[in-house]
Amino acid sequence: MWARHRSQILERVVVLEAAASAVTRKNLTAPECAAAQAAAHKLAGTLGMFNLAAGTEIARELELAYSQKSAPPAASGRHLASLAAKLRTMVENRKSDS
């Protein structure tokens, strides 16, 4: 089951990485912010299904960051990028179901 969902999960991580980069550059658009919030929300649920509780917690933190009325401050870009990188590492290092 993991193998079927892995590429979609990684696509959502890419959305989060792009959003964090845009935050750092101070040019995150409203649609990008909404996409990041949605990607994080979906990841929070999906990662839990695959016993990646730490990933769920990280995704929830990202969801909260992107669900505020205004874009996250540029100073938080590095932290958001670090969280997205942690998610990527978890996903890439998870072994497929046998």
PDB file of N, CA and C in Angstrom:
ATOM      1  N   MET A   1       0.816  -1.184   0.000  1.00  0.00           N
ATOM      2  CA  MET A   1       0.000   0.000   0.000  1.00  0.00           C
ATOM      3  C   MET A   1       0.870   1.261   0.000  1.00  0.00           C
ATOM      4  N   TRP A   2       1.969   1.227   0.717  1.00  0.00           N
ATOM      5  CA  TRP A   2       2.873   2.374   0.767  1.00  0.00           C
ATOM      6  C   TRP A   2       3.350   2.741  -0.633  1.00  0.00           C
ATOM      7  N   ALA A   3       3.714   1.752  -1.407  1.00  0.00           N
ATOM      8  CA  ALA A   3       4.243   1.999  -2.751  1.00  0.00           C
ATOM      9  C   ALA A   3       3.235   2.758  -3.614  1.00  0.00           C
ATOM     10  N   ARG A   4       1.962   2.481  -3.441  1.00  0.00           N
ATOM     11  CA  ARG A   4       0.931   3.173  -4.229  1.00  0.00           C
ATOM     12  C   ARG A   4       0.790   4.630  -3.823  1.00  0.00           C
ATOM     13  N   HIS A   5       1.031   4.955  -2.579  1.00  0.00           N
ATOM     14  CA  HIS A   5       0.810   6.310  -2.072  1.00  0.00           C
ATOM     15  C   HIS A   5       2.080   7.154  -2.017  1.00  0.00           C
ATOM     16  N   ARG A   6       3.219   6.535  -2.097  1.00  0.00           N
ATOM     17  CA  ARG A   6       4.492   7.229  -1.894  1.00  0.00           C
ATOM     18  C   ARG A   6       4.672   8.427  -2.824  1.00  0.00           C
ATOM     19  N   SER A   7       4.393   8.271  -4.110  1.00  0.00           N
ATOM     20  CA  SER A   7       4.618   9.380  -5.044  1.00  0.00           C
ATOM     21  C   SER A   7       3.694  10.558  -4.744  1.00  0.00           C
ATOM     22  N   GLN A   8       2.459  10.291  -4.381  1.00  0.00           N
ATOM     23  CA  GLN A   8       1.531  11.356  -4.036  1.00  0.00           C
ATOM     24  C   GLN A   8       1.979  12.064  -2.747  1.00  0.00           C
ATOM     25  N   ILE A   9       2.472  11.305  -1.805  1.00  0.00           N
ATOM     26  CA  ILE A   9       2.980  11.879  -0.560  1.00  0.00           C
ATOM     27  C   ILE A   9       4.171  12.787  -0.862  1.00  0.00           C
ATOM     28  N   LEU A  10       5.070  12.316  -1.711  1.00  0.00           N
ATOM     29  CA  LEU A  10       6.232  13.143  -2.070  1.00  0.00           C
ATOM     30  C   LEU A  10       5.813  14.408  -2.822  1.00  0.00           C
ATOM     31  N   GLU A  11       4.770  14.330  -3.643  1.00  0.00           N
ATOM     32  CA  GLU A  11       4.265  15.523  -4.332  1.00  0.00           C
ATOM     33  C   GLU A  11       3.793  16.565  -3.320  1.00  0.00           C
ATOM     34  N   ARG A  12       3.175  16.109  -2.263  1.00  0.00           N
ATOM     35  CA  ARG A  12       2.707  17.032  -1.224  1.00  0.00           C
ATOM     36  C   ARG A  12       3.888  17.648  -0.478  1.00  0.00           C
ATOM     37  N   VAL A  13       4.932  16.868  -0.283  1.00  0.00           N
ATOM     38  CA  VAL A  13       6.137  17.394   0.354  1.00  0.00           C
ATOM     39  C   VAL A  13       6.763  18.473  -0.542  1.00  0.00           C
ATOM     40  N   VAL A  14       6.758  18.250  -1.837  1.00  0.00           N
ATOM     41  CA  VAL A  14       7.285  19.245  -2.780  1.00  0.00           C
ATOM     42  C   VAL A  14       6.518  20.563  -2.649  1.00  0.00           C
ATOM     43  N   VAL A  15       5.205  20.491  -2.499  1.00  0.00           N
ATOM     44  CA  VAL A  15       4.385  21.692  -2.306  1.00  0.00           C
ATOM     45  C   VAL A  15       4.843  22.437  -1.056  1.00  0.00           C
ATOM     46  N   LEU A  16       5.106  21.695   0.020  1.00  0.00           N
ATOM     47  CA  LEU A  16       5.549  22.310   1.274  1.00  0.00           C
ATOM     48  C   LEU A  16       6.948  22.912   1.139  1.00  0.00           C
ATOM     49  N   GLU A  17       7.817  22.242   0.416  1.00  0.00           N
ATOM     50  CA  GLU A  17       9.164  22.774   0.193  1.00  0.00           C
ATOM     51  C   GLU A  17       9.105  24.072  -0.607  1.00  0.00           C
ATOM     52  N   ALA A  18       8.280  24.092  -1.629  1.00  0.00           N
ATOM     53  CA  ALA A  18       8.136  25.290  -2.459  1.00  0.00           C
ATOM     54  C   ALA A  18       7.548  26.451  -1.652  1.00  0.00           C
ATOM     55  N   ALA A  19       6.571  26.143  -0.817  1.00  0.00           N
ATOM     56  CA  ALA A  19       5.958  27.185   0.007  1.00  0.00           C
ATOM     57  C   ALA A  19       6.972  27.772   0.991  1.00  0.00           C
ATOM     58  N   ALA A  20       7.767  26.921   1.606  1.00  0.00           N
ATOM     59  CA  ALA A  20       8.782  27.405   2.545  1.00  0.00           C
ATOM     60  C   ALA A  20       9.787  28.302   1.832  1.00  0.00           C
ATOM     61  N   SER A  21      10.166  27.926   0.632  1.00  0.00           N
ATOM     62  CA  SER A  21      11.086  28.747  -0.156  1.00  0.00           C
ATOM     63  C   SER A  21      10.452  30.101  -0.474  1.00  0.00           C
ATOM     64  N   ALA A  22       9.186  30.095  -0.837  1.00  0.00           N
ATOM     65  CA  ALA A  22       8.481  31.349  -1.128  1.00  0.00           C
ATOM     66  C   ALA A  22       8.359  32.217   0.120  1.00  0.00           C
ATOM     67  N   VAL A  23       8.150  31.598   1.270  1.00  0.00           N
ATOM     68  CA  VAL A  23       8.092  32.357   2.530  1.00  0.00           C
ATOM     69  C   VAL A  23       9.413  33.082   2.752  1.00  0.00           C
ATOM     70  N   THR A  24      10.511  32.371   2.560  1.00  0.00           N
ATOM     71  CA  THR A  24      11.834  32.961   2.759  1.00  0.00           C
ATOM     72  C   THR A  24      12.058  34.134   1.807  1.00  0.00           C
ATOM     73  N   ARG A  25      11.573  34.003   0.574  1.00  0.00           N
ATOM     74  CA  ARG A  25      11.735  35.065  -0.427  1.00  0.00           C
ATOM     75  C   ARG A  25      10.690  36.173  -0.277  1.00  0.00           C
ATOM     76  N   LYS A  26       9.773  36.013   0.674  1.00  0.00           N
ATOM     77  CA  LYS A  26       8.699  36.971   0.936  1.00  0.00           C
ATOM     78  C   LYS A  26       7.756  37.119  -0.261  1.00  0.00           C
ATOM     79  N   ASN A  27       7.522  36.023  -0.987  1.00  0.00           N
ATOM     80  CA  ASN A  27       6.598  36.115  -2.110  1.00  0.00           C
ATOM     81  C   ASN A  27       5.621  34.939  -2.169  1.00  0.00           C
ATOM     82  N   LEU A  28       5.223  34.442  -1.019  1.00  0.00           N
ATOM     83  CA  LEU A  28       4.225  33.375  -0.963  1.00  0.00           C
ATOM     84  C   LEU A  28       2.868  33.958  -1.341  1.00  0.00           C
ATOM     85  N   THR A  29       2.246  33.410  -2.380  1.00  0.00           N
ATOM     86  CA  THR A  29       0.930  33.884  -2.796  1.00  0.00           C
ATOM     87  C   THR A  29      -0.161  33.190  -1.982  1.00  0.00           C
ATOM     88  N   ALA A  30      -1.336  33.777  -2.002  1.00  0.00           N
ATOM     89  CA  ALA A  30      -2.466  33.180  -1.285  1.00  0.00           C
ATOM     90  C   ALA A  30      -2.769  31.771  -1.806  1.00  0.00           C
ATOM     91  N   PRO A  31      -2.772  31.548  -3.135  1.00  0.00           N
ATOM     92  CA  PRO A  31      -3.018  30.175  -3.602  1.00  0.00           C
ATOM     93  C   PRO A  31      -1.925  29.191  -3.161  1.00  0.00           C
ATOM     94  N   GLU A  32      -0.670  29.624  -3.136  1.00  0.00           N
ATOM     95  CA  GLU A  32       0.415  28.754  -2.676  1.00  0.00           C
ATOM     96  C   GLU A  32       0.256  28.435  -1.196  1.00  0.00           C
ATOM     97  N   CYS A  33      -0.151  29.426  -0.429  1.00  0.00           N
ATOM     98  CA  CYS A  33      -0.356  29.219   1.004  1.00  0.00           C
ATOM     99  C   CYS A  33      -1.497  28.224   1.232  1.00  0.00           C
ATOM    100  N   ALA A  34      -2.577  28.382   0.479  1.00  0.00           N
ATOM    101  CA  ALA A  34      -3.713  27.459   0.599  1.00  0.00           C
ATOM    102  C   ALA A  34      -3.309  26.052   0.174  1.00  0.00           C
ATOM    103  N   ALA A  35      -2.507  25.952  -0.874  1.00  0.00           N
ATOM    104  CA  ALA A  35      -2.047  24.634  -1.332  1.00  0.00           C
ATOM    105  C   ALA A  35      -1.160  23.979  -0.282  1.00  0.00           C
ATOM    106  N   ALA A  36      -0.303  24.764   0.355  1.00  0.00           N
ATOM    107  CA  ALA A  36       0.570  24.232   1.402  1.00  0.00           C
ATOM    108  C   ALA A  36      -0.254  23.765   2.600  1.00  0.00           C
ATOM    109  N   GLN A  37      -1.241  24.544   2.966  1.00  0.00           N
ATOM    110  CA  GLN A  37      -2.106  24.163   4.094  1.00  0.00           C
ATOM    111  C   GLN A  37      -2.833  22.867   3.776  1.00  0.00           C
ATOM    112  N   ALA A  38      -3.360  22.750   2.559  1.00  0.00           N
ATOM    113  CA  ALA A  38      -4.075  21.534   2.160  1.00  0.00           C
ATOM    114  C   ALA A  38      -3.131  20.330   2.100  1.00  0.00           C
ATOM    115  N   ALA A  39      -1.939  20.535   1.561  1.00  0.00           N
ATOM    116  CA  ALA A  39      -0.970  19.438   1.473  1.00  0.00           C
ATOM    117  C   ALA A  39      -0.589  18.953   2.869  1.00  0.00           C
ATOM    118  N   ALA A  40      -0.351  19.885   3.771  1.00  0.00           N
ATOM    119  CA  ALA A  40       0.019  19.520   5.137  1.00  0.00           C
ATOM    120  C   ALA A  40      -1.126  18.784   5.827  1.00  0.00           C
ATOM    121  N   HIS A  41      -2.341  19.250   5.614  1.00  0.00           N
ATOM    122  CA  HIS A  41      -3.513  18.607   6.215  1.00  0.00           C
ATOM    123  C   HIS A  41      -3.635  17.153   5.737  1.00  0.00           C
ATOM    124  N   LYS A  42      -3.499  16.961   4.435  1.00  0.00           N
ATOM    125  CA  LYS A  42      -3.598  15.608   3.876  1.00  0.00           C
ATOM    126  C   LYS A  42      -2.465  14.721   4.366  1.00  0.00           C
ATOM    127  N   LEU A  43      -1.267  15.293   4.462  1.00  0.00           N
ATOM    128  CA  LEU A  43      -0.130  14.518   4.960  1.00  0.00           C
ATOM    129  C   LEU A  43      -0.327  14.105   6.411  1.00  0.00           C
ATOM    130  N   ALA A  44      -0.898  14.985   7.213  1.00  0.00           N
ATOM    131  CA  ALA A  44      -1.106  14.663   8.628  1.00  0.00           C
ATOM    132  C   ALA A  44      -1.928  13.384   8.768  1.00  0.00           C
ATOM    133  N   GLY A  45      -2.962  13.251   7.948  1.00  0.00           N
ATOM    134  CA  GLY A  45      -3.785  12.049   8.004  1.00  0.00           C
ATOM    135  C   GLY A  45      -3.123  10.844   7.369  1.00  0.00           C
ATOM    136  N   THR A  46      -2.538  11.050   6.216  1.00  0.00           N
ATOM    137  CA  THR A  46      -1.943   9.938   5.478  1.00  0.00           C
ATOM    138  C   THR A  46      -0.758   9.329   6.210  1.00  0.00           C
ATOM    139  N   LEU A  47       0.119  10.158   6.736  1.00  0.00           N
ATOM    140  CA  LEU A  47       1.310   9.637   7.412  1.00  0.00           C
ATOM    141  C   LEU A  47       0.939   8.831   8.651  1.00  0.00           C
ATOM    142  N   GLY A  48      -0.119   9.234   9.308  1.00  0.00           N
ATOM    143  CA  GLY A  48      -0.599   8.473  10.459  1.00  0.00           C
ATOM    144  C   GLY A  48      -1.039   7.073  10.076  1.00  0.00           C
ATOM    145  N   MET A  49      -1.639   6.941   8.892  1.00  0.00           N
ATOM    146  CA  MET A  49      -2.068   5.620   8.411  1.00  0.00           C
ATOM    147  C   MET A  49      -0.879   4.689   8.215  1.00  0.00           C
ATOM    148  N   PHE A  50       0.290   5.269   7.972  1.00  0.00           N
ATOM    149  CA  PHE A  50       1.488   4.468   7.719  1.00  0.00           C
ATOM    150  C   PHE A  50       2.436   4.448   8.921  1.00  0.00           C
ATOM    151  N   ASN A  51       1.877   4.682  10.099  1.00  0.00           N
ATOM    152  CA  ASN A  51       2.636   4.615  11.349  1.00  0.00           C
ATOM    153  C   ASN A  51       3.820   5.581  11.391  1.00  0.00           C
ATOM    154  N   LEU A  52       3.645   6.742  10.804  1.00  0.00           N
ATOM    155  CA  LEU A  52       4.662   7.790  10.874  1.00  0.00           C
ATOM    156  C   LEU A  52       4.123   8.925  11.740  1.00  0.00           C
ATOM    157  N   ALA A  53       3.965   8.624  13.020  1.00  0.00           N
ATOM    158  CA  ALA A  53       3.381   9.587  13.952  1.00  0.00           C
ATOM    159  C   ALA A  53       4.181  10.880  14.014  1.00  0.00           C
ATOM    160  N   ALA A  54       5.499  10.788  13.962  1.00  0.00           N
ATOM    161  CA  ALA A  54       6.331  12.003  13.988  1.00  0.00           C
ATOM    162  C   ALA A  54       6.048  12.846  12.752  1.00  0.00           C
ATOM    163  N   GLY A  55       5.824  12.193  11.622  1.00  0.00           N
ATOM    164  CA  GLY A  55       5.483  12.911  10.398  1.00  0.00           C
ATOM    165  C   GLY A  55       4.135  13.603  10.511  1.00  0.00           C
ATOM    166  N   THR A  56       3.199  12.948  11.166  1.00  0.00           N
ATOM    167  CA  THR A  56       1.884  13.552  11.383  1.00  0.00           C
ATOM    168  C   THR A  56       2.019  14.823  12.205  1.00  0.00           C
ATOM    169  N   GLU A  57       2.826  14.778  13.249  1.00  0.00           N
ATOM    170  CA  GLU A  57       3.019  15.961  14.097  1.00  0.00           C
ATOM    171  C   GLU A  57       3.672  17.107  13.325  1.00  0.00           C
ATOM    172  N   ILE A  58       4.654  16.786  12.519  1.00  0.00           N
ATOM    173  CA  ILE A  58       5.315  17.816  11.708  1.00  0.00           C
ATOM    174  C   ILE A  58       4.316  18.409  10.716  1.00  0.00           C
ATOM    175  N   ALA A  59       3.539  17.555  10.065  1.00  0.00           N
ATOM    176  CA  ALA A  59       2.552  18.028   9.103  1.00  0.00           C
ATOM    177  C   ALA A  59       1.517  18.920   9.780  1.00  0.00           C
ATOM    178  N   ARG A  60       1.131  18.580  10.989  1.00  0.00           N
ATOM    179  CA  ARG A  60       0.171  19.426  11.722  1.00  0.00           C
ATOM    180  C   ARG A  60       0.771  20.796  12.031  1.00  0.00           C
ATOM    181  N   GLU A  61       2.045  20.827  12.383  1.00  0.00           N
ATOM    182  CA  GLU A  61       2.707  22.113  12.637  1.00  0.00           C
ATOM    183  C   GLU A  61       2.730  22.959  11.363  1.00  0.00           C
ATOM    184  N   LEU A  62       3.024  22.319  10.238  1.00  0.00           N
ATOM    185  CA  LEU A  62       3.028  23.035   8.963  1.00  0.00           C
ATOM    186  C   LEU A  62       1.623  23.501   8.588  1.00  0.00           C
ATOM    187  N   GLU A  63       0.644  22.652   8.817  1.00  0.00           N
ATOM    188  CA  GLU A  63      -0.741  23.034   8.527  1.00  0.00           C
ATOM    189  C   GLU A  63      -1.129  24.282   9.316  1.00  0.00           C
ATOM    190  N   LEU A  64      -0.775  24.311  10.571  1.00  0.00           N
ATOM    191  CA  LEU A  64      -1.079  25.472  11.403  1.00  0.00           C
ATOM    192  C   LEU A  64      -0.372  26.724  10.887  1.00  0.00           C
ATOM    193  N   ALA A  65       0.875  26.585  10.501  1.00  0.00           N
ATOM    194  CA  ALA A  65       1.641  27.732  10.008  1.00  0.00           C
ATOM    195  C   ALA A  65       1.009  28.339   8.762  1.00  0.00           C
ATOM    196  N   TYR A  66       0.494  27.497   7.890  1.00  0.00           N
ATOM    197  CA  TYR A  66      -0.082  27.982   6.642  1.00  0.00           C
ATOM    198  C   TYR A  66      -1.578  28.276   6.724  1.00  0.00           C
ATOM    199  N   SER A  67      -2.181  28.074   7.875  1.00  0.00           N
ATOM    200  CA  SER A  67      -3.616  28.315   8.010  1.00  0.00           C
ATOM    201  C   SER A  67      -3.933  29.657   8.678  1.00  0.00           C
ATOM    202  N   GLN A  68      -2.915  30.443   8.956  1.00  0.00           N
ATOM    203  CA  GLN A  68      -3.127  31.748   9.569  1.00  0.00           C
ATOM    204  C   GLN A  68      -3.694  32.728   8.534  1.00  0.00           C
ATOM    205  N   LYS A  69      -4.243  33.839   9.000  1.00  0.00           N
ATOM    206  CA  LYS A  69      -4.838  34.822   8.089  1.00  0.00           C
ATOM    207  C   LYS A  69      -3.807  35.446   7.160  1.00  0.00           C
ATOM    208  N   SER A  70      -2.591  35.577   7.625  1.00  0.00           N
ATOM    209  CA  SER A  70      -1.537  36.131   6.776  1.00  0.00           C
ATOM    210  C   SER A  70      -0.452  35.078   6.583  1.00  0.00           C
ATOM    211  N   ALA A  71       0.357  35.294   5.561  1.00  0.00           N
ATOM    212  CA  ALA A  71       1.441  34.358   5.264  1.00  0.00           C
ATOM    213  C   ALA A  71       2.412  34.306   6.434  1.00  0.00           C
ATOM    214  N   PRO A  72       3.057  33.169   6.624  1.00  0.00           N
ATOM    215  CA  PRO A  72       4.074  33.082   7.684  1.00  0.00           C
ATOM    216  C   PRO A  72       5.162  34.133   7.451  1.00  0.00           C
ATOM    217  N   PRO A  73       5.732  34.661   8.520  1.00  0.00           N
ATOM    218  CA  PRO A  73       6.786  35.660   8.353  1.00  0.00           C
ATOM    219  C   PRO A  73       8.030  35.067   7.684  1.00  0.00           C
ATOM    220  N   ALA A  74       8.737  35.898   6.936  1.00  0.00           N
ATOM    221  CA  ALA A  74       9.928  35.442   6.215  1.00  0.00           C
ATOM    222  C   ALA A  74      10.929  34.780   7.148  1.00  0.00           C
ATOM    223  N   ALA A  75      11.004  35.258   8.379  1.00  0.00           N
ATOM    224  CA  ALA A  75      11.951  34.695   9.344  1.00  0.00           C
ATOM    225  C   ALA A  75      11.656  33.228   9.662  1.00  0.00           C
ATOM    226  N   SER A  76      10.435  32.792   9.419  1.00  0.00           N
ATOM    227  CA  SER A  76      10.085  31.397   9.700  1.00  0.00           C
ATOM    228  C   SER A  76      10.371  30.474   8.514  1.00  0.00           C
ATOM    229  N   GLY A  77      10.785  31.035   7.399  1.00  0.00           N
ATOM    230  CA  GLY A  77      11.021  30.234   6.199  1.00  0.00           C
ATOM    231  C   GLY A  77      12.017  29.109   6.402  1.00  0.00           C
ATOM    232  N   ARG A  78      13.098  29.399   7.084  1.00  0.00           N
ATOM    233  CA  ARG A  78      14.129  28.372   7.315  1.00  0.00           C
ATOM    234  C   ARG A  78      13.566  27.232   8.162  1.00  0.00           C
ATOM    235  N   HIS A  79      12.787  27.573   9.190  1.00  0.00           N
ATOM    236  CA  HIS A  79      12.180  26.551  10.044  1.00  0.00           C
ATOM    237  C   HIS A  79      11.177  25.705   9.250  1.00  0.00           C
ATOM    238  N   LEU A  80      10.357  26.368   8.434  1.00  0.00           N
ATOM    239  CA  LEU A  80       9.380  25.640   7.623  1.00  0.00           C
ATOM    240  C   LEU A  80      10.081  24.718   6.626  1.00  0.00           C
ATOM    241  N   ALA A  81      11.183  25.199   6.057  1.00  0.00           N
ATOM    242  CA  ALA A  81      11.963  24.371   5.126  1.00  0.00           C
ATOM    243  C   ALA A  81      12.555  23.164   5.845  1.00  0.00           C
ATOM    244  N   SER A  82      13.006  23.379   7.076  1.00  0.00           N
ATOM    245  CA  SER A  82      13.569  22.283   7.863  1.00  0.00           C
ATOM    246  C   SER A  82      12.512  21.221   8.154  1.00  0.00           C
ATOM    247  N   LEU A  83      11.313  21.654   8.466  1.00  0.00           N
ATOM    248  CA  LEU A  83      10.223  20.704   8.728  1.00  0.00           C
ATOM    249  C   LEU A  83       9.883  19.918   7.466  1.00  0.00           C
ATOM    250  N   ALA A  84       9.815  20.605   6.337  1.00  0.00           N
ATOM    251  CA  ALA A  84       9.525  19.920   5.073  1.00  0.00           C
ATOM    252  C   ALA A  84      10.636  18.923   4.748  1.00  0.00           C
ATOM    253  N   ALA A  85      11.883  19.298   5.024  1.00  0.00           N
ATOM    254  CA  ALA A  85      13.015  18.396   4.772  1.00  0.00           C
ATOM    255  C   ALA A  85      12.922  17.149   5.659  1.00  0.00           C
ATOM    256  N   LYS A  86      12.482  17.326   6.892  1.00  0.00           N
ATOM    257  CA  LYS A  86      12.303  16.175   7.783  1.00  0.00           C
ATOM    258  C   LYS A  86      11.241  15.228   7.235  1.00  0.00           C
ATOM    259  N   LEU A  87      10.158  15.804   6.717  1.00  0.00           N
ATOM    260  CA  LEU A  87       9.119  14.961   6.122  1.00  0.00           C
ATOM    261  C   LEU A  87       9.676  14.195   4.930  1.00  0.00           C
ATOM    262  N   ARG A  88      10.435  14.880   4.080  1.00  0.00           N
ATOM    263  CA  ARG A  88      11.021  14.211   2.911  1.00  0.00           C
ATOM    264  C   ARG A  88      11.897  13.040   3.348  1.00  0.00           C
ATOM    265  N   THR A  89      12.717  13.259   4.349  1.00  0.00           N
ATOM    266  CA  THR A  89      13.599  12.202   4.834  1.00  0.00           C
ATOM    267  C   THR A  89      12.798  11.016   5.353  1.00  0.00           C
ATOM    268  N   MET A  90      11.752  11.287   6.120  1.00  0.00           N
ATOM    269  CA  MET A  90      10.912  10.201   6.636  1.00  0.00           C
ATOM    270  C   MET A  90      10.295   9.389   5.511  1.00  0.00           C
ATOM    271  N   VAL A  91       9.778  10.092   4.518  1.00  0.00           N
ATOM    272  CA  VAL A  91       9.110   9.412   3.410  1.00  0.00           C
ATOM    273  C   VAL A  91      10.123   8.620   2.581  1.00  0.00           C
ATOM    274  N   GLU A  92      11.235   9.239   2.272  1.00  0.00           N
ATOM    275  CA  GLU A  92      12.235   8.559   1.451  1.00  0.00           C
ATOM    276  C   GLU A  92      12.873   7.370   2.155  1.00  0.00           C
ATOM    277  N   ASN A  93      12.957   7.417   3.477  1.00  0.00           N
ATOM    278  CA  ASN A  93      13.600   6.338   4.230  1.00  0.00           C
ATOM    279  C   ASN A  93      12.650   5.234   4.677  1.00  0.00           C
ATOM    280  N   ARG A  94      11.350   5.450   4.508  1.00  0.00           N
ATOM    281  CA  ARG A  94      10.393   4.424   4.927  1.00  0.00           C
ATOM    282  C   ARG A  94      10.462   3.250   3.963  1.00  0.00           C
ATOM    283  N   LYS A  95      10.506   2.088   4.529  1.00  0.00           N
ATOM    284  CA  LYS A  95      10.563   0.858   3.735  1.00  0.00           C
ATOM    285  C   LYS A  95       9.187   0.522   3.201  1.00  0.00           C
ATOM    286  N   SER A  96       9.140  -0.022   2.019  1.00  0.00           N
ATOM    287  CA  SER A  96       7.872  -0.443   1.417  1.00  0.00           C
ATOM    288  C   SER A  96       7.301  -1.619   2.182  1.00  0.00           C
ATOM    289  N   ASP A  97       5.977  -1.733   2.115  1.00  0.00           N
ATOM    290  CA  ASP A  97       5.324  -2.899   2.708  1.00  0.00           C
ATOM    291  C   ASP A  97       5.722  -4.125   1.928  1.00  0.00           C
ATOM    292  N   SER A  98       5.866  -5.198   2.605  1.00  0.00           N
ATOM    293  CA  SER A  98       6.230  -6.450   1.918  1.00  0.00           C
ATOM    294  C   SER A  98       5.007  -7.245   1.581  1.00  0.00           C
TER     295      SER A  98
END
